[in-house]
Amino acid sequence: MSEQHIHTTDGHAHGEHEGLTKKKIWQVFGILLLITVIEFFIALWVLPHGYMSHMVGNIIYILLTILKAFYIVAYFMHLKYEKLGLQLSLTVTFVFIVYFIVLMLIEGGYLQLHMPFQ
């Protein structure tokens, strides 16, 4: 005689493994498109006409790029649906890597300027 196994989904939360719906995909696409349009507007109209300095433009580009990276990682790489511990460990690791790269670039520039090699 064979045993029958009945699988139920009562123990699973509905939002736990919720995937992207078509509506959410189009919403994220619209947000990414809007951010890209803002970047192009700044690059092709604001900066050439002198309405904003290049330093401020670079800071805005960096912030908008980080925002786009967040949306891509969160929704299309499904990090938003992972547990908080995994999200924090990946985020903190990424922040430290970027921090150390910036420190190395700063130190590398310092050594090149103040200790010329022969």
PDB file of N, CA and C in Angstrom:
ATOM      1  N   MET A   1       0.820  -1.175   0.000  1.00  0.00           N
ATOM      2  CA  MET A   1       0.000   0.000   0.000  1.00  0.00           C
ATOM      3  C   MET A   1       0.869   1.245   0.000  1.00  0.00           C
ATOM      4  N   SER A   2       0.401   2.217  -0.686  1.00  0.00           N
ATOM      5  CA  SER A   2       1.173   3.456  -0.762  1.00  0.00           C
ATOM      6  C   SER A   2       0.547   4.521   0.124  1.00  0.00           C
ATOM      7  N   GLU A   3       1.435   5.344   0.665  1.00  0.00           N
ATOM      8  CA  GLU A   3       0.964   6.449   1.503  1.00  0.00           C
ATOM      9  C   GLU A   3       0.738   7.677   0.635  1.00  0.00           C
ATOM     10  N   GLN A   4      -0.276   8.390   0.956  1.00  0.00           N
ATOM     11  CA  GLN A   4      -0.533   9.627   0.236  1.00  0.00           C
ATOM     12  C   GLN A   4      -0.036  10.798   1.070  1.00  0.00           C
ATOM     13  N   HIS A   5       0.691  11.655   0.431  1.00  0.00           N
ATOM     14  CA  HIS A   5       1.185  12.853   1.107  1.00  0.00           C
ATOM     15  C   HIS A   5       0.385  14.042   0.616  1.00  0.00           C
ATOM     16  N   ILE A   6      -0.192  14.711   1.540  1.00  0.00           N
ATOM     17  CA  ILE A   6      -0.982  15.890   1.198  1.00  0.00           C
ATOM     18  C   ILE A   6      -0.177  17.117   1.573  1.00  0.00           C
ATOM     19  N   HIS A   7       0.070  17.952   0.591  1.00  0.00           N
ATOM     20  CA  HIS A   7       0.845  19.177   0.810  1.00  0.00           C
ATOM     21  C   HIS A   7      -0.111  20.353   0.898  1.00  0.00           C
ATOM     22  N   THR A   8       0.014  21.102   1.953  1.00  0.00           N
ATOM     23  CA  THR A   8      -0.798  22.300   2.106  1.00  0.00           C
ATOM     24  C   THR A   8       0.113  23.505   2.206  1.00  0.00           C
ATOM     25  N   THR A   9      -0.451  24.631   1.957  1.00  0.00           N
ATOM     26  CA  THR A   9       0.310  25.884   2.032  1.00  0.00           C
ATOM     27  C   THR A   9      -0.109  26.702   3.236  1.00  0.00           C
ATOM     28  N   ASP A  10      -0.738  26.061   4.202  1.00  0.00           N
ATOM     29  CA  ASP A  10      -1.207  26.801   5.371  1.00  0.00           C
ATOM     30  C   ASP A  10      -0.059  27.394   6.182  1.00  0.00           C
ATOM     31  N   GLY A  11       1.087  26.738   6.205  1.00  0.00           N
ATOM     32  CA  GLY A  11       2.207  27.205   7.016  1.00  0.00           C
ATOM     33  C   GLY A  11       3.005  28.321   6.386  1.00  0.00           C
ATOM     34  N   HIS A  12       2.745  28.638   5.143  1.00  0.00           N
ATOM     35  CA  HIS A  12       3.519  29.662   4.439  1.00  0.00           C
ATOM     36  C   HIS A  12       2.749  30.970   4.393  1.00  0.00           C
ATOM     37  N   ALA A  13       3.470  32.029   4.633  1.00  0.00           N
ATOM     38  CA  ALA A  13       2.862  33.351   4.501  1.00  0.00           C
ATOM     39  C   ALA A  13       2.728  33.685   3.025  1.00  0.00           C
ATOM     40  N   HIS A  14       1.671  34.377   2.690  1.00  0.00           N
ATOM     41  CA  HIS A  14       1.423  34.670   1.276  1.00  0.00           C
ATOM     42  C   HIS A  14       2.431  35.634   0.694  1.00  0.00           C
ATOM     43  N   GLY A  15       2.926  36.584   1.457  1.00  0.00           N
ATOM     44  CA  GLY A  15       3.858  37.571   0.938  1.00  0.00           C
ATOM     45  C   GLY A  15       5.304  37.129   0.992  1.00  0.00           C
ATOM     46  N   GLU A  16       5.566  35.958   1.598  1.00  0.00           N
ATOM     47  CA  GLU A  16       6.947  35.540   1.803  1.00  0.00           C
ATOM     48  C   GLU A  16       7.677  35.267   0.497  1.00  0.00           C
ATOM     49  N   HIS A  17       7.071  34.534  -0.392  1.00  0.00           N
ATOM     50  CA  HIS A  17       7.711  34.199  -1.672  1.00  0.00           C
ATOM     51  C   HIS A  17       6.941  34.805  -2.828  1.00  0.00           C
ATOM     52  N   GLU A  18       6.411  35.941  -2.576  1.00  0.00           N
ATOM     53  CA  GLU A  18       5.630  36.622  -3.587  1.00  0.00           C
ATOM     54  C   GLU A  18       6.551  37.095  -4.707  1.00  0.00           C
ATOM     55  N   GLY A  19       6.199  36.806  -5.933  1.00  0.00           N
ATOM     56  CA  GLY A  19       7.017  37.217  -7.056  1.00  0.00           C
ATOM     57  C   GLY A  19       6.565  38.557  -7.602  1.00  0.00           C
ATOM     58  N   LEU A  20       7.206  38.946  -8.673  1.00  0.00           N
ATOM     59  CA  LEU A  20       6.835  40.200  -9.315  1.00  0.00           C
ATOM     60  C   LEU A  20       5.616  39.983 -10.195  1.00  0.00           C
ATOM     61  N   THR A  21       4.649  40.837 -10.050  1.00  0.00           N
ATOM     62  CA  THR A  21       3.501  40.813 -10.940  1.00  0.00           C
ATOM     63  C   THR A  21       3.820  41.694 -12.143  1.00  0.00           C
ATOM     64  N   LYS A  22       3.022  41.568 -13.166  1.00  0.00           N
ATOM     65  CA  LYS A  22       3.245  42.413 -14.350  1.00  0.00           C
ATOM     66  C   LYS A  22       3.122  43.896 -13.991  1.00  0.00           C
ATOM     67  N   LYS A  23       2.172  44.194 -13.118  1.00  0.00           N
ATOM     68  CA  LYS A  23       1.983  45.596 -12.714  1.00  0.00           C
ATOM     69  C   LYS A  23       3.232  46.127 -12.009  1.00  0.00           C
ATOM     70  N   LYS A  24       3.807  45.328 -11.118  1.00  0.00           N
ATOM     71  CA  LYS A  24       4.998  45.770 -10.376  1.00  0.00           C
ATOM     72  C   LYS A  24       6.201  45.899 -11.316  1.00  0.00           C
ATOM     73  N   ILE A  25       6.326  44.985 -12.274  1.00  0.00           N
ATOM     74  CA  ILE A  25       7.420  45.076 -13.249  1.00  0.00           C
ATOM     75  C   ILE A  25       7.320  46.373 -14.034  1.00  0.00           C
ATOM     76  N   TRP A  26       6.125  46.724 -14.494  1.00  0.00           N
ATOM     77  CA  TRP A  26       5.950  47.962 -15.244  1.00  0.00           C
ATOM     78  C   TRP A  26       6.163  49.184 -14.354  1.00  0.00           C
ATOM     79  N   GLN A  27       5.783  49.072 -13.078  1.00  0.00           N
ATOM     80  CA  GLN A  27       6.010  50.179 -12.155  1.00  0.00           C
ATOM     81  C   GLN A  27       7.509  50.414 -11.955  1.00  0.00           C
ATOM     82  N   VAL A  28       8.267  49.355 -11.737  1.00  0.00           N
ATOM     83  CA  VAL A  28       9.716  49.488 -11.568  1.00  0.00           C
ATOM     84  C   VAL A  28      10.351  49.984 -12.870  1.00  0.00           C
ATOM     85  N   PHE A  29       9.874  49.479 -14.007  1.00  0.00           N
ATOM     86  CA  PHE A  29      10.368  49.963 -15.301  1.00  0.00           C
ATOM     87  C   PHE A  29      10.129  51.467 -15.446  1.00  0.00           C
ATOM     88  N   GLY A  30       8.952  51.934 -15.043  1.00  0.00           N
ATOM     89  CA  GLY A  30       8.642  53.358 -15.124  1.00  0.00           C
ATOM     90  C   GLY A  30       9.544  54.190 -14.231  1.00  0.00           C
ATOM     91  N   ILE A  31       9.821  53.694 -13.032  1.00  0.00           N
ATOM     92  CA  ILE A  31      10.712  54.416 -12.118  1.00  0.00           C
ATOM     93  C   ILE A  31      12.118  54.488 -12.690  1.00  0.00           C
ATOM     94  N   LEU A  32      12.613  53.358 -13.220  1.00  0.00           N
ATOM     95  CA  LEU A  32      13.955  53.354 -13.821  1.00  0.00           C
ATOM     96  C   LEU A  32      14.014  54.265 -15.043  1.00  0.00           C
ATOM     97  N   LEU A  33      12.953  54.265 -15.841  1.00  0.00           N
ATOM     98  CA  LEU A  33      12.896  55.136 -17.013  1.00  0.00           C
ATOM     99  C   LEU A  33      12.888  56.606 -16.597  1.00  0.00           C
ATOM    100  N   LEU A  34      12.127  56.935 -15.561  1.00  0.00           N
ATOM    101  CA  LEU A  34      12.076  58.313 -15.080  1.00  0.00           C
ATOM    102  C   LEU A  34      13.439  58.771 -14.575  1.00  0.00           C
ATOM    103  N   ILE A  35      14.128  57.917 -13.827  1.00  0.00           N
ATOM    104  CA  ILE A  35      15.464  58.273 -13.335  1.00  0.00           C
ATOM    105  C   ILE A  35      16.415  58.494 -14.505  1.00  0.00           C
ATOM    106  N   THR A  36      16.339  57.635 -15.518  1.00  0.00           N
ATOM    107  CA  THR A  36      17.196  57.781 -16.691  1.00  0.00           C
ATOM    108  C   THR A  36      16.885  59.065 -17.455  1.00  0.00           C
ATOM    109  N   VAL A  37      15.624  59.405 -17.582  1.00  0.00           N
ATOM    110  CA  VAL A  37      15.242  60.651 -18.260  1.00  0.00           C
ATOM    111  C   VAL A  37      15.782  61.858 -17.494  1.00  0.00           C
ATOM    112  N   ILE A  38      15.713  61.809 -16.168  1.00  0.00           N
ATOM    113  CA  ILE A  38      16.266  62.904 -15.357  1.00  0.00           C
ATOM    114  C   ILE A  38      17.767  63.023 -15.577  1.00  0.00           C
ATOM    115  N   GLU A  39      18.472  61.890 -15.625  1.00  0.00           N
ATOM    116  CA  GLU A  39      19.915  61.929 -15.875  1.00  0.00           C
ATOM    117  C   GLU A  39      20.232  62.524 -17.238  1.00  0.00           C
ATOM    118  N   PHE A  40      19.486  62.122 -18.268  1.00  0.00           N
ATOM    119  CA  PHE A  40      19.712  62.673 -19.602  1.00  0.00           C
ATOM    120  C   PHE A  40      19.385  64.160 -19.644  1.00  0.00           C
ATOM    121  N   PHE A  41      18.330  64.572 -18.975  1.00  0.00           N
ATOM    122  CA  PHE A  41      17.957  65.983 -18.932  1.00  0.00           C
ATOM    123  C   PHE A  41      19.072  66.819 -18.309  1.00  0.00           C
ATOM    124  N   ILE A  42      19.624  66.315 -17.215  1.00  0.00           N
ATOM    125  CA  ILE A  42      20.732  67.036 -16.564  1.00  0.00           C
ATOM    126  C   ILE A  42      21.954  67.077 -17.475  1.00  0.00           C
ATOM    127  N   ALA A  43      22.271  65.951 -18.102  1.00  0.00           N
ATOM    128  CA  ALA A  43      23.481  65.876 -18.926  1.00  0.00           C
ATOM    129  C   ALA A  43      23.372  66.676 -20.221  1.00  0.00           C
ATOM    130  N   LEU A  44      22.201  66.700 -20.821  1.00  0.00           N
ATOM    131  CA  LEU A  44      22.069  67.317 -22.140  1.00  0.00           C
ATOM    132  C   LEU A  44      21.506  68.740 -22.128  1.00  0.00           C
ATOM    133  N   TRP A  45      20.921  69.175 -21.014  1.00  0.00           N
ATOM    134  CA  TRP A  45      20.356  70.511 -21.020  1.00  0.00           C
ATOM    135  C   TRP A  45      20.835  71.360 -19.843  1.00  0.00           C
ATOM    136  N   VAL A  46      20.803  70.804 -18.647  1.00  0.00           N
ATOM    137  CA  VAL A  46      21.124  71.604 -17.455  1.00  0.00           C
ATOM    138  C   VAL A  46      22.611  71.948 -17.397  1.00  0.00           C
ATOM    139  N   LEU A  47      23.467  70.933 -17.504  1.00  0.00           N
ATOM    140  CA  LEU A  47      24.913  71.192 -17.400  1.00  0.00           C
ATOM    141  C   LEU A  47      25.474  72.018 -18.559  1.00  0.00           C
ATOM    142  N   PRO A  48      25.108  71.734 -19.817  1.00  0.00           N
ATOM    143  CA  PRO A  48      25.663  72.564 -20.913  1.00  0.00           C
ATOM    144  C   PRO A  48      25.244  74.032 -20.852  1.00  0.00           C
ATOM    145  N   HIS A  49      24.068  74.314 -20.307  1.00  0.00           N
ATOM    146  CA  HIS A  49      23.609  75.702 -20.219  1.00  0.00           C
ATOM    147  C   HIS A  49      24.076  76.390 -18.942  1.00  0.00           C
ATOM    148  N   GLY A  50      24.791  75.689 -18.091  1.00  0.00           N
ATOM    149  CA  GLY A  50      25.366  76.302 -16.901  1.00  0.00           C
ATOM    150  C   GLY A  50      24.398  76.526 -15.758  1.00  0.00           C
ATOM    151  N   TYR A  51      23.266  75.814 -15.746  1.00  0.00           N
ATOM    152  CA  TYR A  51      22.307  75.976 -14.658  1.00  0.00           C
ATOM    153  C   TYR A  51      22.739  75.258 -13.380  1.00  0.00           C
ATOM    154  N   MET A  52      23.744  74.403 -13.505  1.00  0.00           N
ATOM    155  CA  MET A  52      24.214  73.630 -12.362  1.00  0.00           C
ATOM    156  C   MET A  52      25.706  73.397 -12.538  1.00  0.00           C
ATOM    157  N   SER A  53      26.442  73.410 -11.432  1.00  0.00           N
ATOM    158  CA  SER A  53      27.876  73.145 -11.545  1.00  0.00           C
ATOM    159  C   SER A  53      28.112  71.657 -11.789  1.00  0.00           C
ATOM    160  N   HIS A  54      29.276  71.339 -12.321  1.00  0.00           N
ATOM    161  CA  HIS A  54      29.591  69.939 -12.613  1.00  0.00           C
ATOM    162  C   HIS A  54      29.730  69.117 -11.338  1.00  0.00           C
ATOM    163  N   MET A  55      30.170  69.748 -10.261  1.00  0.00           N
ATOM    164  CA  MET A  55      30.294  69.035  -8.986  1.00  0.00           C
ATOM    165  C   MET A  55      28.916  68.586  -8.496  1.00  0.00           C
ATOM    166  N   VAL A  56      27.958  69.486  -8.524  1.00  0.00           N
ATOM    167  CA  VAL A  56      26.597  69.142  -8.111  1.00  0.00           C
ATOM    168  C   VAL A  56      26.005  68.117  -9.081  1.00  0.00           C
ATOM    169  N   GLY A  57      26.269  68.278 -10.352  1.00  0.00           N
ATOM    170  CA  GLY A  57      25.794  67.309 -11.340  1.00  0.00           C
ATOM    171  C   GLY A  57      26.349  65.918 -11.090  1.00  0.00           C
ATOM    172  N   ASN A  58      27.631  65.825 -10.761  1.00  0.00           N
ATOM    173  CA  ASN A  58      28.233  64.522 -10.460  1.00  0.00           C
ATOM    174  C   ASN A  58      27.618  63.892  -9.220  1.00  0.00           C
ATOM    175  N   ILE A  59      27.359  64.690  -8.205  1.00  0.00           N
ATOM    176  CA  ILE A  59      26.735  64.156  -6.989  1.00  0.00           C
ATOM    177  C   ILE A  59      25.336  63.644  -7.296  1.00  0.00           C
ATOM    178  N   ILE A  60      24.580  64.393  -8.092  1.00  0.00           N
ATOM    179  CA  ILE A  60      23.232  63.947  -8.468  1.00  0.00           C
ATOM    180  C   ILE A  60      23.304  62.672  -9.302  1.00  0.00           C
ATOM    181  N   TYR A  61      24.261  62.584 -10.253  1.00  0.00           N
ATOM    182  CA  TYR A  61      24.434  61.356 -11.031  1.00  0.00           C
ATOM    183  C   TYR A  61      24.710  60.161 -10.137  1.00  0.00           C
ATOM    184  N   ILE A  62      25.597  60.340  -9.163  1.00  0.00           N
ATOM    185  CA  ILE A  62      25.946  59.238  -8.265  1.00  0.00           C
ATOM    186  C   ILE A  62      24.725  58.796  -7.459  1.00  0.00           C
ATOM    187  N   LEU A  63      23.979  59.757  -6.921  1.00  0.00           N
ATOM    188  CA  LEU A  63      22.790  59.408  -6.139  1.00  0.00           C
ATOM    189  C   LEU A  63      21.725  58.714  -6.997  1.00  0.00           C
ATOM    190  N   LEU A  64      21.499  59.216  -8.203  1.00  0.00           N
ATOM    191  CA  LEU A  64      20.518  58.586  -9.078  1.00  0.00           C
ATOM    192  C   LEU A  64      20.966  57.194  -9.514  1.00  0.00           C
ATOM    193  N   THR A  65      22.253  57.010  -9.734  1.00  0.00           N
ATOM    194  CA  THR A  65      22.771  55.698 -10.107  1.00  0.00           C
ATOM    195  C   THR A  65      22.627  54.705  -8.961  1.00  0.00           C
ATOM    196  N   ILE A  66      22.879  55.156  -7.744  1.00  0.00           N
ATOM    197  CA  ILE A  66      22.688  54.283  -6.584  1.00  0.00           C
ATOM    198  C   ILE A  66      21.215  53.920  -6.436  1.00  0.00           C
ATOM    199  N   LEU A  67      20.326  54.867  -6.673  1.00  0.00           N
ATOM    200  CA  LEU A  67      18.893  54.588  -6.610  1.00  0.00           C
ATOM    201  C   LEU A  67      18.482  53.567  -7.675  1.00  0.00           C
ATOM    202  N   LYS A  68      19.009  53.721  -8.894  1.00  0.00           N
ATOM    203  CA  LYS A  68      18.707  52.738  -9.944  1.00  0.00           C
ATOM    204  C   LYS A  68      19.256  51.365  -9.583  1.00  0.00           C
ATOM    205  N   ALA A  69      20.453  51.319  -9.035  1.00  0.00           N
ATOM    206  CA  ALA A  69      21.040  50.039  -8.624  1.00  0.00           C
ATOM    207  C   ALA A  69      20.186  49.391  -7.542  1.00  0.00           C
ATOM    208  N   PHE A  70      19.657  50.183  -6.614  1.00  0.00           N
ATOM    209  CA  PHE A  70      18.779  49.641  -5.579  1.00  0.00           C
ATOM    210  C   PHE A  70      17.564  48.971  -6.197  1.00  0.00           C
ATOM    211  N   TYR A  71      16.904  49.644  -7.122  1.00  0.00           N
ATOM    212  CA  TYR A  71      15.707  49.069  -7.735  1.00  0.00           C
ATOM    213  C   TYR A  71      16.027  47.795  -8.512  1.00  0.00           C
ATOM    214  N   ILE A  72      17.139  47.787  -9.218  1.00  0.00           N
ATOM    215  CA  ILE A  72      17.514  46.594  -9.985  1.00  0.00           C
ATOM    216  C   ILE A  72      17.803  45.437  -9.054  1.00  0.00           C
ATOM    217  N   VAL A  73      18.586  45.669  -8.017  1.00  0.00           N
ATOM    218  CA  VAL A  73      18.934  44.593  -7.086  1.00  0.00           C
ATOM    219  C   VAL A  73      17.711  44.148  -6.286  1.00  0.00           C
ATOM    220  N   ALA A  74      16.917  45.099  -5.839  1.00  0.00           N
ATOM    221  CA  ALA A  74      15.777  44.762  -4.980  1.00  0.00           C
ATOM    222  C   ALA A  74      14.707  43.979  -5.729  1.00  0.00           C
ATOM    223  N   TYR A  75      14.373  44.387  -6.928  1.00  0.00           N
ATOM    224  CA  TYR A  75      13.243  43.772  -7.611  1.00  0.00           C
ATOM    225  C   TYR A  75      13.650  42.723  -8.636  1.00  0.00           C
ATOM    226  N   PHE A  76      14.624  43.001  -9.478  1.00  0.00           N
ATOM    227  CA  PHE A  76      14.958  42.046 -10.529  1.00  0.00           C
ATOM    228  C   PHE A  76      15.922  40.968 -10.061  1.00  0.00           C
ATOM    229  N   MET A  77      16.658  41.223  -8.982  1.00  0.00           N
ATOM    230  CA  MET A  77      17.510  40.189  -8.403  1.00  0.00           C
ATOM    231  C   MET A  77      16.865  39.625  -7.136  1.00  0.00           C
ATOM    232  N   HIS A  78      15.634  40.028  -6.856  1.00  0.00           N
ATOM    233  CA  HIS A  78      14.774  39.484  -5.806  1.00  0.00           C
ATOM    234  C   HIS A  78      15.323  39.645  -4.395  1.00  0.00           C
ATOM    235  N   LEU A  79      16.190  40.622  -4.150  1.00  0.00           N
ATOM    236  CA  LEU A  79      16.714  40.828  -2.806  1.00  0.00           C
ATOM    237  C   LEU A  79      15.634  41.371  -1.875  1.00  0.00           C
ATOM    238  N   LYS A  80      14.657  42.077  -2.415  1.00  0.00           N
ATOM    239  CA  LYS A  80      13.589  42.629  -1.599  1.00  0.00           C
ATOM    240  C   LYS A  80      12.793  41.531  -0.904  1.00  0.00           C
ATOM    241  N   TYR A  81      12.741  40.358  -1.500  1.00  0.00           N
ATOM    242  CA  TYR A  81      11.941  39.269  -0.954  1.00  0.00           C
ATOM    243  C   TYR A  81      12.746  38.337  -0.052  1.00  0.00           C
ATOM    244  N   GLU A  82      13.998  38.678   0.209  1.00  0.00           N
ATOM    245  CA  GLU A  82      14.831  37.851   1.094  1.00  0.00           C
ATOM    246  C   GLU A  82      14.659  38.291   2.542  1.00  0.00           C
ATOM    247  N   LYS A  83      15.216  37.516   3.442  1.00  0.00           N
ATOM    248  CA  LYS A  83      15.138  37.843   4.864  1.00  0.00           C
ATOM    249  C   LYS A  83      16.008  39.060   5.165  1.00  0.00           C
ATOM    250  N   LEU A  84      15.659  39.759   6.231  1.00  0.00           N
ATOM    251  CA  LEU A  84      16.345  40.996   6.584  1.00  0.00           C
ATOM    252  C   LEU A  84      17.827  40.761   6.873  1.00  0.00           C
ATOM    253  N   GLY A  85      18.168  39.637   7.471  1.00  0.00           N
ATOM    254  CA  GLY A  85      19.575  39.344   7.778  1.00  0.00           C
ATOM    255  C   GLY A  85      20.433  39.280   6.534  1.00  0.00           C
ATOM    256  N   LEU A  86      19.940  38.621   5.487  1.00  0.00           N
ATOM    257  CA  LEU A  86      20.677  38.546   4.227  1.00  0.00           C
ATOM    258  C   LEU A  86      20.777  39.918   3.575  1.00  0.00           C
ATOM    259  N   GLN A  87      19.696  40.673   3.600  1.00  0.00           N
ATOM    260  CA  GLN A  87      19.719  42.020   3.031  1.00  0.00           C
ATOM    261  C   GLN A  87      20.764  42.891   3.714  1.00  0.00           C
ATOM    262  N   LEU A  88      20.781  42.852   5.036  1.00  0.00           N
ATOM    263  CA  LEU A  88      21.740  43.676   5.776  1.00  0.00           C
ATOM    264  C   LEU A  88      23.173  43.221   5.557  1.00  0.00           C
ATOM    265  N   SER A  89      23.397  41.917   5.534  1.00  0.00           N
ATOM    266  CA  SER A  89      24.775  41.446   5.339  1.00  0.00           C
ATOM    267  C   SER A  89      25.300  41.830   3.960  1.00  0.00           C
ATOM    268  N   LEU A  90      24.479  41.741   2.939  1.00  0.00           N
ATOM    269  CA  LEU A  90      24.924  42.129   1.598  1.00  0.00           C
ATOM    270  C   LEU A  90      25.116  43.640   1.495  1.00  0.00           C
ATOM    271  N   THR A  91      24.211  44.393   2.092  1.00  0.00           N
ATOM    272  CA  THR A  91      24.299  45.849   2.019  1.00  0.00           C
ATOM    273  C   THR A  91      25.522  46.376   2.766  1.00  0.00           C
ATOM    274  N   VAL A  92      25.735  45.882   3.975  1.00  0.00           N
ATOM    275  CA  VAL A  92      26.890  46.337   4.764  1.00  0.00           C
ATOM    276  C   VAL A  92      28.190  45.956   4.068  1.00  0.00           C
ATOM    277  N   THR A  93      28.258  44.759   3.507  1.00  0.00           N
ATOM    278  CA  THR A  93      29.450  44.331   2.781  1.00  0.00           C
ATOM    279  C   THR A  93      29.712  45.242   1.588  1.00  0.00           C
ATOM    280  N   PHE A  94      28.673  45.557   0.832  1.00  0.00           N
ATOM    281  CA  PHE A  94      28.819  46.430  -0.329  1.00  0.00           C
ATOM    282  C   PHE A  94      29.296  47.818   0.087  1.00  0.00           C
ATOM    283  N   VAL A  95      28.733  48.355   1.161  1.00  0.00           N
ATOM    284  CA  VAL A  95      29.131  49.688   1.627  1.00  0.00           C
ATOM    285  C   VAL A  95      30.602  49.691   2.038  1.00  0.00           C
ATOM    286  N   PHE A  96      31.050  48.666   2.748  1.00  0.00           N
ATOM    287  CA  PHE A  96      32.453  48.605   3.151  1.00  0.00           C
ATOM    288  C   PHE A  96      33.384  48.457   1.948  1.00  0.00           C
ATOM    289  N   ILE A  97      32.993  47.681   0.955  1.00  0.00           N
ATOM    290  CA  ILE A  97      33.828  47.530  -0.237  1.00  0.00           C
ATOM    291  C   ILE A  97      33.977  48.873  -0.948  1.00  0.00           C
ATOM    292  N   VAL A  98      32.874  49.584  -1.132  1.00  0.00           N
ATOM    293  CA  VAL A  98      32.935  50.897  -1.779  1.00  0.00           C
ATOM    294  C   VAL A  98      33.769  51.857  -0.933  1.00  0.00           C
ATOM    295  N   TYR A  99      33.592  51.820   0.378  1.00  0.00           N
ATOM    296  CA  TYR A  99      34.352  52.679   1.285  1.00  0.00           C
ATOM    297  C   TYR A  99      35.850  52.409   1.153  1.00  0.00           C
ATOM    298  N   PHE A 100      36.247  51.147   1.136  1.00  0.00           N
ATOM    299  CA  PHE A 100      37.665  50.826   1.021  1.00  0.00           C
ATOM    300  C   PHE A 100      38.223  51.188  -0.351  1.00  0.00           C
ATOM    301  N   ILE A 101      37.443  51.056  -1.390  1.00  0.00           N
ATOM    302  CA  ILE A 101      37.901  51.475  -2.721  1.00  0.00           C
ATOM    303  C   ILE A 101      38.148  52.982  -2.735  1.00  0.00           C
ATOM    304  N   VAL A 102      37.224  53.743  -2.153  1.00  0.00           N
ATOM    305  CA  VAL A 102      37.398  55.197  -2.099  1.00  0.00           C
ATOM    306  C   VAL A 102      38.636  55.548  -1.283  1.00  0.00           C
ATOM    307  N   LEU A 103      38.831  54.873  -0.156  1.00  0.00           N
ATOM    308  CA  LEU A 103      40.027  55.140   0.647  1.00  0.00           C
ATOM    309  C   LEU A 103      41.304  54.829  -0.122  1.00  0.00           C
ATOM    310  N   MET A 104      41.312  53.723  -0.862  1.00  0.00           N
ATOM    311  CA  MET A 104      42.506  53.377  -1.650  1.00  0.00           C
ATOM    312  C   MET A 104      42.767  54.394  -2.747  1.00  0.00           C
ATOM    313  N   LEU A 105      41.708  54.882  -3.377  1.00  0.00           N
ATOM    314  CA  LEU A 105      41.894  55.898  -4.411  1.00  0.00           C
ATOM    315  C   LEU A 105      42.429  57.192  -3.815  1.00  0.00           C
ATOM    316  N   ILE A 106      41.932  57.564  -2.651  1.00  0.00           N
ATOM    317  CA  ILE A 106      42.420  58.781  -1.993  1.00  0.00           C
ATOM    318  C   ILE A 106      43.884  58.614  -1.598  1.00  0.00           C
ATOM    319  N   GLU A 107      44.215  57.498  -0.987  1.00  0.00           N
ATOM    320  CA  GLU A 107      45.597  57.246  -0.578  1.00  0.00           C
ATOM    321  C   GLU A 107      46.525  57.131  -1.785  1.00  0.00           C
ATOM    322  N   GLY A 108      46.052  56.490  -2.843  1.00  0.00           N
ATOM    323  CA  GLY A 108      46.870  56.371  -4.050  1.00  0.00           C
ATOM    324  C   GLY A 108      47.178  57.727  -4.646  1.00  0.00           C
ATOM    325  N   GLY A 109      46.200  58.616  -4.646  1.00  0.00           N
ATOM    326  CA  GLY A 109      46.431  59.972  -5.127  1.00  0.00           C
ATOM    327  C   GLY A 109      47.378  60.741  -4.229  1.00  0.00           C
ATOM    328  N   TYR A 110      47.280  60.527  -2.941  1.00  0.00           N
ATOM    329  CA  TYR A 110      48.165  61.199  -1.995  1.00  0.00           C
ATOM    330  C   TYR A 110      49.600  60.754  -2.210  1.00  0.00           C
ATOM    331  N   LEU A 111      49.821  59.469  -2.328  1.00  0.00           N
ATOM    332  CA  LEU A 111      51.177  58.958  -2.510  1.00  0.00           C
ATOM    333  C   LEU A 111      51.782  59.425  -3.826  1.00  0.00           C
ATOM    334  N   GLN A 112      50.948  59.499  -4.862  1.00  0.00           N
ATOM    335  CA  GLN A 112      51.451  59.942  -6.170  1.00  0.00           C
ATOM    336  C   GLN A 112      51.839  61.419  -6.136  1.00  0.00           C
ATOM    337  N   LEU A 113      51.085  62.240  -5.399  1.00  0.00           N
ATOM    338  CA  LEU A 113      51.377  63.659  -5.338  1.00  0.00           C
ATOM    339  C   LEU A 113      52.532  64.003  -4.422  1.00  0.00           C
ATOM    340  N   HIS A 114      52.650  63.322  -3.286  1.00  0.00           N
ATOM    341  CA  HIS A 114      53.618  63.733  -2.275  1.00  0.00           C
ATOM    342  C   HIS A 114      54.870  62.869  -2.195  1.00  0.00           C
ATOM    343  N   MET A 115      54.885  61.750  -2.855  1.00  0.00           N
ATOM    344  CA  MET A 115      56.069  60.879  -2.824  1.00  0.00           C
ATOM    345  C   MET A 115      56.380  60.407  -4.243  1.00  0.00           C
ATOM    346  N   PRO A 116      56.903  61.295  -5.065  1.00  0.00           N
ATOM    347  CA  PRO A 116      57.167  60.900  -6.464  1.00  0.00           C
ATOM    348  C   PRO A 116      58.244  59.806  -6.531  1.00  0.00           C
ATOM    349  N   PHE A 117      57.970  58.828  -7.357  1.00  0.00           N
ATOM    350  CA  PHE A 117      58.919  57.738  -7.557  1.00  0.00           C
ATOM    351  C   PHE A 117      59.907  58.116  -8.642  1.00  0.00           C
ATOM    352  N   GLN A 118      61.137  57.641  -8.502  1.00  0.00           N
ATOM    353  CA  GLN A 118      62.170  58.023  -9.480  1.00  0.00           C
ATOM    354  C   GLN A 118      62.371  56.981 -10.521  1.00  0.00           C
TER     355      GLN A 118
END
